[in-house]
Amino acid sequence: MKTQQAPGAHTRAPAPPAGRAGRILRGARSSVGGTAAALIIIWIGLTAAAPSFATVSNLLNIFLAASTLAIIAGGLTLALIAGEIDLSLGSVEALAGSLAAVLIVTIGLPWPLALVLGVLAGAAVGGVNAFFTSKLGVPSFVTSLAMLSVAGGAAYLLTQGTSVFGLGPQFGAIGQGSLSGVPAPVLIAVVILAVLAFVLHRTSFGLNIYAVGGNPEAARLSGVNVRRTKAVVLVLSGSLAGVAGIILASRLDAGSGTVGAADLMAAIAAVVIGGTSLNGGVGSIAGTVVGTVLIASIQNGLVLLNVTAFWQQVAIGSLILIAALLDRLSKISTKSGREQAR
């Protein structure tokens, strides 16, 4: 007697086996727990060193600073899980905000249209990355590094090397408004990250991302369109960077080629600290969120302690090295455990 196949079961065939998917999720939860514990320890230490750190207003400032960083880090998480990387994020932020500012102030377009075109500019950069990587086989590291320069240069050309001010109160509400005391950028980030988490962990496409990053050849033999999967995550990464650029332009009431310049390193740090592997196949949005809040907390705490901004760069770089080392040691331990089990 044949058992009836559950509706929609065939759509999950290309995804990783249930056992492997379960191990991925368990590993992600473990990594999130460790990062969350580190965040709590840092919060306790910073509260002791600077009592104003734990005030409601300052915590809202931390979440506000983390919001745009979390949006681009969410896109980067998908790219890294799929075995790719997007280094053009910071420049895409600048390009999207600069384009929107020029369209509103100089050309006089309605702000909703300027907003959409700014996000589409980010998607276009992601599309270029996707084309060269998935179609022509150029490593995403090289492609996105090139687009970092192209997008950054385009932002400076649009603004002629200056800041374009006066985007209007309606556009400004995107980055400066609030709902029940919660800043609008935080609410936007929560919605976007919730959608990304759902897609990554609850859809066949999300499981395909893990499969492609974990073992591209096995994923291909299982029926996964590897090229299309990688192309989609790179376009998503560029689009989300465009969204972040629009929010930043709204907060600053200006578009500039310098916007987002420091966000790339911070985003990489947040994603890696959150447990996403640089080698692909492992990671979670929840881990990235905690990692982003941790980075924003450290930056905020150093400011409250009157520590020069240069030490923030040292701290973020050190955290990337530590997280990469822990990721490497974890893989060595896992490999050793498998060999002993045989």
C-alpha atoms as a PDB file:
ATOM      1  CA  MET A   1       0.000   0.000   0.000  1.00  0.00           C
ATOM      2  CA  LYS A   2       1.453   3.340  -1.049  1.00  0.00           C
ATOM      3  CA  THR A   3       1.605   6.178   1.429  1.00  0.00           C
ATOM      4  CA  GLN A   4       0.124   9.460   0.261  1.00  0.00           C
ATOM      5  CA  GLN A   5       2.640  12.222  -0.214  1.00  0.00           C
ATOM      6  CA  ALA A   6       1.988  15.329   1.821  1.00  0.00           C
ATOM      7  CA  PRO A   7       0.924  18.361  -0.201  1.00  0.00           C
ATOM      8  CA  GLY A   8       3.905  20.434  -1.260  1.00  0.00           C
ATOM      9  CA  ALA A   9       6.400  17.699  -0.243  1.00  0.00           C
ATOM     10  CA  HIS A  10       7.844  17.588  -3.744  1.00  0.00           C
ATOM     11  CA  THR A  11       8.943  21.210  -3.451  1.00  0.00           C
ATOM     12  CA  ARG A  12      11.326  20.272  -0.637  1.00  0.00           C
ATOM     13  CA  ALA A  13      13.110  17.540  -2.544  1.00  0.00           C
ATOM     14  CA  PRO A  14      16.065  19.692  -3.570  1.00  0.00           C
ATOM     15  CA  ALA A  15      16.585  20.841   0.012  1.00  0.00           C
ATOM     16  CA  PRO A  16      19.093  19.295   2.391  1.00  0.00           C
ATOM     17  CA  PRO A  17      18.070  16.059   4.087  1.00  0.00           C
ATOM     18  CA  ALA A  18      15.958  16.511   7.211  1.00  0.00           C
ATOM     19  CA  GLY A  19      18.804  15.357   9.446  1.00  0.00           C
ATOM     20  CA  ARG A  20      21.211  17.883   8.007  1.00  0.00           C
ATOM     21  CA  ALA A  21      18.638  20.685   8.178  1.00  0.00           C
ATOM     22  CA  GLY A  22      18.050  19.809  11.814  1.00  0.00           C
ATOM     23  CA  ARG A  23      21.764  19.952  12.568  1.00  0.00           C
ATOM     24  CA  ILE A  24      21.975  23.359  10.884  1.00  0.00           C
ATOM     25  CA  LEU A  25      19.143  24.735  13.009  1.00  0.00           C
ATOM     26  CA  ARG A  26      20.542  23.242  16.228  1.00  0.00           C
ATOM     27  CA  GLY A  27      23.965  24.696  15.460  1.00  0.00           C
ATOM     28  CA  ALA A  28      22.419  28.082  14.725  1.00  0.00           C
ATOM     29  CA  ARG A  29      20.551  28.088  18.038  1.00  0.00           C
ATOM     30  CA  SER A  30      23.735  27.174  19.907  1.00  0.00           C
ATOM     31  CA  SER A  31      25.655  29.998  18.224  1.00  0.00           C
ATOM     32  CA  VAL A  32      22.885  32.508  18.951  1.00  0.00           C
ATOM     33  CA  GLY A  33      22.926  31.484  22.614  1.00  0.00           C
ATOM     34  CA  GLY A  34      26.663  32.050  22.879  1.00  0.00           C
ATOM     35  CA  THR A  35      26.458  35.449  21.174  1.00  0.00           C
ATOM     36  CA  ALA A  36      23.510  36.457  23.377  1.00  0.00           C
ATOM     37  CA  ALA A  37      25.495  35.512  26.477  1.00  0.00           C
ATOM     38  CA  ALA A  38      28.389  37.683  25.287  1.00  0.00           C
ATOM     39  CA  LEU A  39      25.955  40.549  24.669  1.00  0.00           C
ATOM     40  CA  ILE A  40      24.571  40.303  28.209  1.00  0.00           C
ATOM     41  CA  ILE A  41      28.072  40.299  29.693  1.00  0.00           C
ATOM     42  CA  ILE A  42      29.025  43.358  27.643  1.00  0.00           C
ATOM     43  CA  TRP A  43      25.836  45.165  28.683  1.00  0.00           C
ATOM     44  CA  ILE A  44      26.556  44.435  32.354  1.00  0.00           C
ATOM     45  CA  GLY A  45      30.143  45.659  32.012  1.00  0.00           C
ATOM     46  CA  LEU A  46      29.182  48.832  30.146  1.00  0.00           C
ATOM     47  CA  THR A  47      26.392  49.588  32.632  1.00  0.00           C
ATOM     48  CA  ALA A  48      28.898  49.339  35.474  1.00  0.00           C
ATOM     49  CA  ALA A  49      31.392  51.567  33.653  1.00  0.00           C
ATOM     50  CA  ALA A  50      28.814  54.078  32.387  1.00  0.00           C
ATOM     51  CA  PRO A  51      25.489  54.090  34.303  1.00  0.00           C
ATOM     52  CA  SER A  52      23.810  56.098  31.530  1.00  0.00           C
ATOM     53  CA  PHE A  53      24.298  53.146  29.186  1.00  0.00           C
ATOM     54  CA  ALA A  54      21.281  51.229  30.525  1.00  0.00           C
ATOM     55  CA  THR A  55      18.794  54.095  30.298  1.00  0.00           C
ATOM     56  CA  VAL A  56      15.761  53.668  28.039  1.00  0.00           C
ATOM     57  CA  SER A  57      16.757  56.568  25.805  1.00  0.00           C
ATOM     58  CA  ASN A  58      20.260  55.188  25.289  1.00  0.00           C
ATOM     59  CA  LEU A  59      19.015  51.677  24.565  1.00  0.00           C
ATOM     60  CA  LEU A  60      16.688  53.145  21.948  1.00  0.00           C
ATOM     61  CA  ASN A  61      19.724  54.908  20.471  1.00  0.00           C
ATOM     62  CA  ILE A  62      21.532  51.561  20.302  1.00  0.00           C
ATOM     63  CA  PHE A  63      18.619  49.877  18.530  1.00  0.00           C
ATOM     64  CA  LEU A  64      18.302  52.846  16.176  1.00  0.00           C
ATOM     65  CA  ALA A  65      21.985  52.612  15.269  1.00  0.00           C
ATOM     66  CA  ALA A  66      21.654  48.848  14.864  1.00  0.00           C
ATOM     67  CA  SER A  67      18.573  49.048  12.624  1.00  0.00           C
ATOM     68  CA  THR A  68      20.194  49.992   9.312  1.00  0.00           C
ATOM     69  CA  LEU A  69      23.232  47.870  10.102  1.00  0.00           C
ATOM     70  CA  ALA A  70      20.961  44.882  10.753  1.00  0.00           C
ATOM     71  CA  ILE A  71      19.197  45.374   7.406  1.00  0.00           C
ATOM     72  CA  ILE A  72      22.401  45.185   5.356  1.00  0.00           C
ATOM     73  CA  ALA A  73      23.747  42.440   7.626  1.00  0.00           C
ATOM     74  CA  GLY A  74      20.584  40.436   6.943  1.00  0.00           C
ATOM     75  CA  GLY A  75      21.272  40.527   3.216  1.00  0.00           C
ATOM     76  CA  LEU A  76      24.928  39.691   3.792  1.00  0.00           C
ATOM     77  CA  THR A  77      23.870  36.710   5.920  1.00  0.00           C
ATOM     78  CA  LEU A  78      21.954  35.192   3.007  1.00  0.00           C
ATOM     79  CA  ALA A  79      24.902  35.757   0.675  1.00  0.00           C
ATOM     80  CA  LEU A  80      27.404  34.146   3.056  1.00  0.00           C
ATOM     81  CA  ILE A  81      25.164  31.153   3.769  1.00  0.00           C
ATOM     82  CA  ALA A  82      24.949  30.635   0.002  1.00  0.00           C
ATOM     83  CA  GLY A  83      28.744  30.641  -0.174  1.00  0.00           C
ATOM     84  CA  GLU A  84      29.118  34.154  -1.612  1.00  0.00           C
ATOM     85  CA  ILE A  85      29.987  37.590  -0.230  1.00  0.00           C
ATOM     86  CA  ASP A  86      28.915  41.154  -0.980  1.00  0.00           C
ATOM     87  CA  LEU A  87      31.547  43.811  -0.323  1.00  0.00           C
ATOM     88  CA  SER A  88      29.666  46.594  -2.117  1.00  0.00           C
ATOM     89  CA  LEU A  89      27.140  47.169   0.698  1.00  0.00           C
ATOM     90  CA  GLY A  90      28.495  50.427   2.110  1.00  0.00           C
ATOM     91  CA  SER A  91      28.824  52.037  -1.310  1.00  0.00           C
ATOM     92  CA  VAL A  92      25.340  50.884  -2.285  1.00  0.00           C
ATOM     93  CA  GLU A  93      23.979  52.649   0.799  1.00  0.00           C
ATOM     94  CA  ALA A  94      25.679  55.852  -0.337  1.00  0.00           C
ATOM     95  CA  LEU A  95      24.465  55.430  -3.923  1.00  0.00           C
ATOM     96  CA  ALA A  96      20.822  54.808  -2.965  1.00  0.00           C
ATOM     97  CA  GLY A  97      20.683  57.767  -0.582  1.00  0.00           C
ATOM     98  CA  SER A  98      22.532  60.084  -2.954  1.00  0.00           C
ATOM     99  CA  LEU A  99      20.309  59.166  -5.894  1.00  0.00           C
ATOM    100  CA  ALA A 100      17.149  59.740  -3.872  1.00  0.00           C
ATOM    101  CA  ALA A 101      18.463  63.087  -2.606  1.00  0.00           C
ATOM    102  CA  VAL A 102      19.394  64.335  -6.071  1.00  0.00           C
ATOM    103  CA  LEU A 103      16.060  63.211  -7.526  1.00  0.00           C
ATOM    104  CA  ILE A 104      14.116  65.016  -4.787  1.00  0.00           C
ATOM    105  CA  VAL A 105      16.155  68.212  -4.368  1.00  0.00           C
ATOM    106  CA  THR A 106      17.675  68.798  -7.795  1.00  0.00           C
ATOM    107  CA  ILE A 107      15.168  67.234 -10.191  1.00  0.00           C
ATOM    108  CA  GLY A 108      12.054  67.638  -8.090  1.00  0.00           C
ATOM    109  CA  LEU A 109      10.643  64.124  -8.300  1.00  0.00           C
ATOM    110  CA  PRO A 110       8.036  63.069  -5.692  1.00  0.00           C
ATOM    111  CA  TRP A 111       9.730  61.434  -2.728  1.00  0.00           C
ATOM    112  CA  PRO A 112       7.960  58.039  -3.076  1.00  0.00           C
ATOM    113  CA  LEU A 113       9.290  57.680  -6.627  1.00  0.00           C
ATOM    114  CA  ALA A 114      12.768  58.780  -5.538  1.00  0.00           C
ATOM    115  CA  LEU A 115      12.640  56.225  -2.733  1.00  0.00           C
ATOM    116  CA  VAL A 116      11.739  53.407  -5.117  1.00  0.00           C
ATOM    117  CA  LEU A 117      14.440  54.397  -7.604  1.00  0.00           C
ATOM    118  CA  GLY A 118      17.015  54.516  -4.808  1.00  0.00           C
ATOM    119  CA  VAL A 119      16.184  50.955  -3.749  1.00  0.00           C
ATOM    120  CA  LEU A 120      16.180  49.841  -7.398  1.00  0.00           C
ATOM    121  CA  ALA A 121      19.689  51.286  -7.748  1.00  0.00           C
ATOM    122  CA  GLY A 122      20.766  48.950  -4.957  1.00  0.00           C
ATOM    123  CA  ALA A 123      19.034  46.049  -6.679  1.00  0.00           C
ATOM    124  CA  ALA A 124      20.811  46.964  -9.918  1.00  0.00           C
ATOM    125  CA  VAL A 125      24.213  46.780  -8.232  1.00  0.00           C
ATOM    126  CA  GLY A 126      23.192  43.425  -6.774  1.00  0.00           C
ATOM    127  CA  GLY A 127      22.112  42.372 -10.268  1.00  0.00           C
ATOM    128  CA  VAL A 128      25.541  43.219 -11.677  1.00  0.00           C
ATOM    129  CA  ASN A 129      27.171  41.201  -8.895  1.00  0.00           C
ATOM    130  CA  ALA A 130      24.786  38.329  -9.624  1.00  0.00           C
ATOM    131  CA  PHE A 131      25.412  38.403 -13.379  1.00  0.00           C
ATOM    132  CA  PHE A 132      29.187  38.324 -13.154  1.00  0.00           C
ATOM    133  CA  THR A 133      29.183  35.729 -10.377  1.00  0.00           C
ATOM    134  CA  SER A 134      26.405  33.320 -11.375  1.00  0.00           C
ATOM    135  CA  LYS A 135      26.596  33.678 -15.163  1.00  0.00           C
ATOM    136  CA  LEU A 136      30.265  34.415 -15.869  1.00  0.00           C
ATOM    137  CA  GLY A 137      31.815  32.621 -12.896  1.00  0.00           C
ATOM    138  CA  VAL A 138      33.709  35.613 -11.521  1.00  0.00           C
ATOM    139  CA  PRO A 139      34.143  35.217  -7.734  1.00  0.00           C
ATOM    140  CA  SER A 140      31.724  37.408  -5.814  1.00  0.00           C
ATOM    141  CA  PHE A 141      34.632  38.759  -3.771  1.00  0.00           C
ATOM    142  CA  VAL A 142      36.134  40.279  -6.925  1.00  0.00           C
ATOM    143  CA  THR A 143      32.840  41.394  -8.457  1.00  0.00           C
ATOM    144  CA  SER A 144      31.483  43.060  -5.323  1.00  0.00           C
ATOM    145  CA  LEU A 145      34.860  44.659  -4.605  1.00  0.00           C
ATOM    146  CA  ALA A 146      34.741  46.225  -8.057  1.00  0.00           C
ATOM    147  CA  MET A 147      31.152  47.374  -7.533  1.00  0.00           C
ATOM    148  CA  LEU A 148      32.142  48.867  -4.180  1.00  0.00           C
ATOM    149  CA  SER A 149      34.335  51.257  -6.143  1.00  0.00           C
ATOM    150  CA  VAL A 150      31.831  51.785  -8.965  1.00  0.00           C
ATOM    151  CA  ALA A 151      28.856  52.479  -6.686  1.00  0.00           C
ATOM    152  CA  GLY A 152      30.907  54.700  -4.387  1.00  0.00           C
ATOM    153  CA  GLY A 153      32.233  56.708  -7.317  1.00  0.00           C
ATOM    154  CA  ALA A 154      28.736  57.035  -8.773  1.00  0.00           C
ATOM    155  CA  ALA A 155      27.467  58.407  -5.441  1.00  0.00           C
ATOM    156  CA  TYR A 156      30.179  61.075  -5.423  1.00  0.00           C
ATOM    157  CA  LEU A 157      29.463  61.947  -9.058  1.00  0.00           C
ATOM    158  CA  LEU A 158      25.751  62.353  -8.351  1.00  0.00           C
ATOM    159  CA  THR A 159      26.352  64.660  -5.396  1.00  0.00           C
ATOM    160  CA  GLN A 160      29.454  66.301  -6.903  1.00  0.00           C
ATOM    161  CA  GLY A 161      31.345  65.441  -3.729  1.00  0.00           C
ATOM    162  CA  THR A 162      29.019  67.397  -1.448  1.00  0.00           C
ATOM    163  CA  SER A 163      25.999  66.649   0.743  1.00  0.00           C
ATOM    164  CA  VAL A 164      22.592  67.264  -0.841  1.00  0.00           C
ATOM    165  CA  PHE A 165      20.298  68.601   1.901  1.00  0.00           C
ATOM    166  CA  GLY A 166      16.582  69.361   2.245  1.00  0.00           C
ATOM    167  CA  LEU A 167      14.735  66.125   1.448  1.00  0.00           C
ATOM    168  CA  GLY A 168      11.490  67.232   3.073  1.00  0.00           C
ATOM    169  CA  PRO A 169       9.555  66.230   6.204  1.00  0.00           C
ATOM    170  CA  GLN A 170       7.615  63.397   4.553  1.00  0.00           C
ATOM    171  CA  PHE A 171      10.777  61.661   3.378  1.00  0.00           C
ATOM    172  CA  GLY A 172      12.370  62.489   6.719  1.00  0.00           C
ATOM    173  CA  ALA A 173       9.637  60.610   8.593  1.00  0.00           C
ATOM    174  CA  ILE A 174      11.099  57.343   7.303  1.00  0.00           C
ATOM    175  CA  GLY A 175      14.253  57.740   9.351  1.00  0.00           C
ATOM    176  CA  GLN A 176      13.200  60.263  11.974  1.00  0.00           C
ATOM    177  CA  GLY A 177       9.622  59.242  12.780  1.00  0.00           C
ATOM    178  CA  SER A 178       8.472  56.927  15.560  1.00  0.00           C
ATOM    179  CA  LEU A 179       5.485  54.858  16.660  1.00  0.00           C
ATOM    180  CA  SER A 180       4.659  54.679  20.378  1.00  0.00           C
ATOM    181  CA  GLY A 181       8.166  55.873  21.113  1.00  0.00           C
ATOM    182  CA  VAL A 182       9.862  53.243  18.937  1.00  0.00           C
ATOM    183  CA  PRO A 183      11.919  54.749  16.073  1.00  0.00           C
ATOM    184  CA  ALA A 184      10.568  54.013  12.608  1.00  0.00           C
ATOM    185  CA  PRO A 185      13.881  52.523  11.343  1.00  0.00           C
ATOM    186  CA  VAL A 186      13.732  49.946  14.155  1.00  0.00           C
ATOM    187  CA  LEU A 187      10.209  48.923  13.135  1.00  0.00           C
ATOM    188  CA  ILE A 188      11.240  48.691   9.475  1.00  0.00           C
ATOM    189  CA  ALA A 189      14.239  46.539  10.404  1.00  0.00           C
ATOM    190  CA  VAL A 190      12.091  44.224  12.548  1.00  0.00           C
ATOM    191  CA  VAL A 191       9.674  43.614   9.665  1.00  0.00           C
ATOM    192  CA  ILE A 192      12.434  43.005   7.107  1.00  0.00           C
ATOM    193  CA  LEU A 193      14.422  40.683   9.365  1.00  0.00           C
ATOM    194  CA  ALA A 194      11.309  38.723  10.343  1.00  0.00           C
ATOM    195  CA  VAL A 195      10.555  38.136   6.658  1.00  0.00           C
ATOM    196  CA  LEU A 196      14.162  37.085   5.982  1.00  0.00           C
ATOM    197  CA  ALA A 197      14.100  34.659   8.924  1.00  0.00           C
ATOM    198  CA  PHE A 198      10.841  33.139   7.695  1.00  0.00           C
ATOM    199  CA  VAL A 199      12.178  32.723   4.161  1.00  0.00           C
ATOM    200  CA  LEU A 200      15.451  31.249   5.361  1.00  0.00           C
ATOM    201  CA  HIS A 201      14.044  28.726   7.822  1.00  0.00           C
ATOM    202  CA  ARG A 202      10.491  28.048   6.652  1.00  0.00           C
ATOM    203  CA  THR A 203      10.638  27.854   2.862  1.00  0.00           C
ATOM    204  CA  SER A 204      12.192  25.504   0.342  1.00  0.00           C
ATOM    205  CA  PHE A 205      14.143  28.437  -1.111  1.00  0.00           C
ATOM    206  CA  GLY A 206      15.732  29.045   2.283  1.00  0.00           C
ATOM    207  CA  LEU A 207      16.770  25.419   2.577  1.00  0.00           C
ATOM    208  CA  ASN A 208      18.156  25.643  -0.946  1.00  0.00           C
ATOM    209  CA  ILE A 209      20.363  28.533   0.201  1.00  0.00           C
ATOM    210  CA  TYR A 210      21.821  26.298   2.917  1.00  0.00           C
ATOM    211  CA  ALA A 211      22.248  23.450   0.431  1.00  0.00           C
ATOM    212  CA  VAL A 212      24.046  25.622  -2.122  1.00  0.00           C
ATOM    213  CA  GLY A 213      26.408  27.023   0.497  1.00  0.00           C
ATOM    214  CA  GLY A 214      27.055  23.673   2.142  1.00  0.00           C
ATOM    215  CA  ASN A 215      27.730  21.607  -0.979  1.00  0.00           C
ATOM    216  CA  PRO A 216      26.972  23.203  -4.367  1.00  0.00           C
ATOM    217  CA  GLU A 217      27.556  20.018  -6.347  1.00  0.00           C
ATOM    218  CA  ALA A 218      25.301  17.917  -4.138  1.00  0.00           C
ATOM    219  CA  ALA A 219      22.657  20.649  -4.323  1.00  0.00           C
ATOM    220  CA  ARG A 220      22.877  20.673  -8.117  1.00  0.00           C
ATOM    221  CA  LEU A 221      22.514  16.897  -8.307  1.00  0.00           C
ATOM    222  CA  SER A 222      19.471  17.191  -6.038  1.00  0.00           C
ATOM    223  CA  GLY A 223      17.799  19.497  -8.518  1.00  0.00           C
ATOM    224  CA  VAL A 224      18.608  22.897  -6.989  1.00  0.00           C
ATOM    225  CA  ASN A 225      19.304  25.676  -9.480  1.00  0.00           C
ATOM    226  CA  VAL A 226      22.585  26.775  -7.914  1.00  0.00           C
ATOM    227  CA  ARG A 227      23.182  29.743 -10.202  1.00  0.00           C
ATOM    228  CA  ARG A 228      19.697  31.164  -9.734  1.00  0.00           C
ATOM    229  CA  THR A 229      19.835  30.734  -5.958  1.00  0.00           C
ATOM    230  CA  LYS A 230      23.121  32.618  -5.728  1.00  0.00           C
ATOM    231  CA  ALA A 231      21.873  35.302  -8.106  1.00  0.00           C
ATOM    232  CA  VAL A 232      18.732  35.902  -6.041  1.00  0.00           C
ATOM    233  CA  VAL A 233      20.605  36.295  -2.745  1.00  0.00           C
ATOM    234  CA  LEU A 234      23.044  38.776  -4.298  1.00  0.00           C
ATOM    235  CA  VAL A 235      20.188  40.861  -5.714  1.00  0.00           C
ATOM    236  CA  LEU A 236      18.466  40.739  -2.317  1.00  0.00           C
ATOM    237  CA  SER A 237      21.672  41.861  -0.625  1.00  0.00           C
ATOM    238  CA  GLY A 238      21.969  44.864  -2.939  1.00  0.00           C
ATOM    239  CA  SER A 239      18.284  45.732  -2.532  1.00  0.00           C
ATOM    240  CA  LEU A 240      18.489  45.672   1.262  1.00  0.00           C
ATOM    241  CA  ALA A 241      21.584  47.863   1.176  1.00  0.00           C
ATOM    242  CA  GLY A 242      19.517  50.262  -0.926  1.00  0.00           C
ATOM    243  CA  VAL A 243      16.778  50.256   1.717  1.00  0.00           C
ATOM    244  CA  ALA A 244      19.359  50.984   4.414  1.00  0.00           C
ATOM    245  CA  GLY A 245      20.756  53.835   2.322  1.00  0.00           C
ATOM    246  CA  ILE A 246      17.309  55.398   1.994  1.00  0.00           C
ATOM    247  CA  ILE A 247      16.782  55.204   5.765  1.00  0.00           C
ATOM    248  CA  LEU A 248      20.169  56.780   6.453  1.00  0.00           C
ATOM    249  CA  ALA A 249      19.503  59.591   3.982  1.00  0.00           C
ATOM    250  CA  SER A 250      16.175  60.191   5.693  1.00  0.00           C
ATOM    251  CA  ARG A 251      17.770  60.292   9.145  1.00  0.00           C
ATOM    252  CA  LEU A 252      20.438  62.737   7.989  1.00  0.00           C
ATOM    253  CA  ASP A 253      18.074  64.705   5.727  1.00  0.00           C
ATOM    254  CA  ALA A 254      20.849  64.470   3.137  1.00  0.00           C
ATOM    255  CA  GLY A 255      22.443  62.271   0.543  1.00  0.00           C
ATOM    256  CA  SER A 256      26.219  61.928   0.475  1.00  0.00           C
ATOM    257  CA  GLY A 257      28.906  59.708  -0.974  1.00  0.00           C
ATOM    258  CA  THR A 258      30.350  59.205   2.513  1.00  0.00           C
ATOM    259  CA  VAL A 259      27.188  57.640   3.985  1.00  0.00           C
ATOM    260  CA  GLY A 260      27.648  54.008   5.019  1.00  0.00           C
ATOM    261  CA  ALA A 261      31.415  54.038   4.569  1.00  0.00           C
ATOM    262  CA  ALA A 262      32.039  52.226   7.864  1.00  0.00           C
ATOM    263  CA  ASP A 263      29.067  49.863   7.667  1.00  0.00           C
ATOM    264  CA  LEU A 264      30.727  47.114   5.626  1.00  0.00           C
ATOM    265  CA  MET A 265      33.211  46.085   8.313  1.00  0.00           C
ATOM    266  CA  ALA A 266      30.592  46.414  11.037  1.00  0.00           C
ATOM    267  CA  ALA A 267      28.156  44.266   9.048  1.00  0.00           C
ATOM    268  CA  ILE A 268      30.747  41.555   8.435  1.00  0.00           C
ATOM    269  CA  ALA A 269      31.616  41.579  12.129  1.00  0.00           C
ATOM    270  CA  ALA A 270      27.956  41.311  13.144  1.00  0.00           C
ATOM    271  CA  VAL A 271      27.265  38.439  10.759  1.00  0.00           C
ATOM    272  CA  VAL A 272      30.375  36.439  11.677  1.00  0.00           C
ATOM    273  CA  ILE A 273      29.927  37.056  15.415  1.00  0.00           C
ATOM    274  CA  GLY A 274      26.331  35.894  14.990  1.00  0.00           C
ATOM    275  CA  GLY A 275      27.538  32.482  13.852  1.00  0.00           C
ATOM    276  CA  THR A 276      27.380  32.681  10.061  1.00  0.00           C
ATOM    277  CA  SER A 277      30.247  30.782   8.503  1.00  0.00           C
ATOM    278  CA  LEU A 278      32.509  32.495   5.998  1.00  0.00           C
ATOM    279  CA  ASN A 279      32.656  29.165   4.164  1.00  0.00           C
ATOM    280  CA  GLY A 280      28.916  28.953   3.555  1.00  0.00           C
ATOM    281  CA  GLY A 281      26.128  26.609   4.618  1.00  0.00           C
ATOM    282  CA  VAL A 282      25.782  27.813   8.221  1.00  0.00           C
ATOM    283  CA  GLY A 283      24.112  30.867   9.747  1.00  0.00           C
ATOM    284  CA  SER A 284      20.888  32.455  10.925  1.00  0.00           C
ATOM    285  CA  ILE A 285      19.116  35.798  10.929  1.00  0.00           C
ATOM    286  CA  ALA A 286      18.627  35.592  14.702  1.00  0.00           C
ATOM    287  CA  GLY A 287      22.376  35.286  15.210  1.00  0.00           C
ATOM    288  CA  THR A 288      22.975  38.240  12.917  1.00  0.00           C
ATOM    289  CA  VAL A 289      20.482  40.369  14.859  1.00  0.00           C
ATOM    290  CA  VAL A 290      22.211  39.615  18.165  1.00  0.00           C
ATOM    291  CA  GLY A 291      25.606  40.239  16.582  1.00  0.00           C
ATOM    292  CA  THR A 292      24.412  43.568  15.212  1.00  0.00           C
ATOM    293  CA  VAL A 293      23.113  44.715  18.601  1.00  0.00           C
ATOM    294  CA  LEU A 294      26.416  43.631  20.155  1.00  0.00           C
ATOM    295  CA  ILE A 295      28.414  45.724  17.665  1.00  0.00           C
ATOM    296  CA  ALA A 296      26.124  48.740  18.149  1.00  0.00           C
ATOM    297  CA  SER A 297      26.401  48.360  21.931  1.00  0.00           C
ATOM    298  CA  ILE A 298      30.192  48.332  21.837  1.00  0.00           C
ATOM    299  CA  GLN A 299      30.260  51.417  19.606  1.00  0.00           C
ATOM    300  CA  ASN A 300      27.784  53.214  21.855  1.00  0.00           C
ATOM    301  CA  GLY A 301      29.598  52.210  25.039  1.00  0.00           C
ATOM    302  CA  LEU A 302      32.957  53.437  23.757  1.00  0.00           C
ATOM    303  CA  VAL A 303      31.387  56.807  22.941  1.00  0.00           C
ATOM    304  CA  LEU A 304      29.903  57.072  26.444  1.00  0.00           C
ATOM    305  CA  LEU A 305      33.311  56.243  27.895  1.00  0.00           C
ATOM    306  CA  ASN A 306      34.876  59.001  25.777  1.00  0.00           C
ATOM    307  CA  VAL A 307      37.056  56.502  23.929  1.00  0.00           C
ATOM    308  CA  THR A 308      38.280  57.759  20.567  1.00  0.00           C
ATOM    309  CA  ALA A 309      36.436  56.455  17.509  1.00  0.00           C
ATOM    310  CA  PHE A 310      39.640  54.863  16.210  1.00  0.00           C
ATOM    311  CA  TRP A 311      39.375  52.242  18.967  1.00  0.00           C
ATOM    312  CA  GLN A 312      35.995  51.241  17.558  1.00  0.00           C
ATOM    313  CA  GLN A 313      37.756  50.136  14.381  1.00  0.00           C
ATOM    314  CA  VAL A 314      40.282  48.182  16.449  1.00  0.00           C
ATOM    315  CA  ALA A 315      37.501  46.524  18.449  1.00  0.00           C
ATOM    316  CA  ILE A 316      35.461  45.550  15.376  1.00  0.00           C
ATOM    317  CA  GLY A 317      38.485  44.155  13.546  1.00  0.00           C
ATOM    318  CA  SER A 318      39.507  42.166  16.617  1.00  0.00           C
ATOM    319  CA  LEU A 319      35.997  40.736  16.956  1.00  0.00           C
ATOM    320  CA  ILE A 320      36.077  39.582  13.325  1.00  0.00           C
ATOM    321  CA  LEU A 321      39.377  37.775  13.914  1.00  0.00           C
ATOM    322  CA  ILE A 322      38.094  36.131  17.096  1.00  0.00           C
ATOM    323  CA  ALA A 323      34.842  35.037  15.460  1.00  0.00           C
ATOM    324  CA  ALA A 324      36.672  33.676  12.408  1.00  0.00           C
ATOM    325  CA  LEU A 325      39.060  31.758  14.676  1.00  0.00           C
ATOM    326  CA  LEU A 326      36.168  30.261  16.655  1.00  0.00           C
ATOM    327  CA  ASP A 327      34.450  29.282  13.409  1.00  0.00           C
ATOM    328  CA  ARG A 328      37.634  27.564  12.248  1.00  0.00           C
ATOM    329  CA  LEU A 329      38.120  25.723  15.536  1.00  0.00           C
ATOM    330  CA  SER A 330      34.481  24.612  15.473  1.00  0.00           C
ATOM    331  CA  LYS A 331      34.927  23.106  12.008  1.00  0.00           C
ATOM    332  CA  ILE A 332      38.116  21.308  13.054  1.00  0.00           C
ATOM    333  CA  SER A 333      36.328  19.897  16.106  1.00  0.00           C
ATOM    334  CA  THR A 334      33.345  18.764  14.031  1.00  0.00           C
ATOM    335  CA  LYS A 335      35.569  17.119  11.434  1.00  0.00           C
ATOM    336  CA  SER A 336      37.585  15.352  14.135  1.00  0.00           C
ATOM    337  CA  GLY A 337      34.373  14.100  15.764  1.00  0.00           C
ATOM    338  CA  ARG A 338      33.132  12.672  12.461  1.00  0.00           C
ATOM    339  CA  GLU A 339      36.429  10.880  11.812  1.00  0.00           C
ATOM    340  CA  GLN A 340      36.357   9.330  15.282  1.00  0.00           C
ATOM    341  CA  ALA A 341      32.758   8.216  14.753  1.00  0.00           C
ATOM    342  CA  ARG A 342      33.825   6.303  11.665  1.00  0.00           C
END
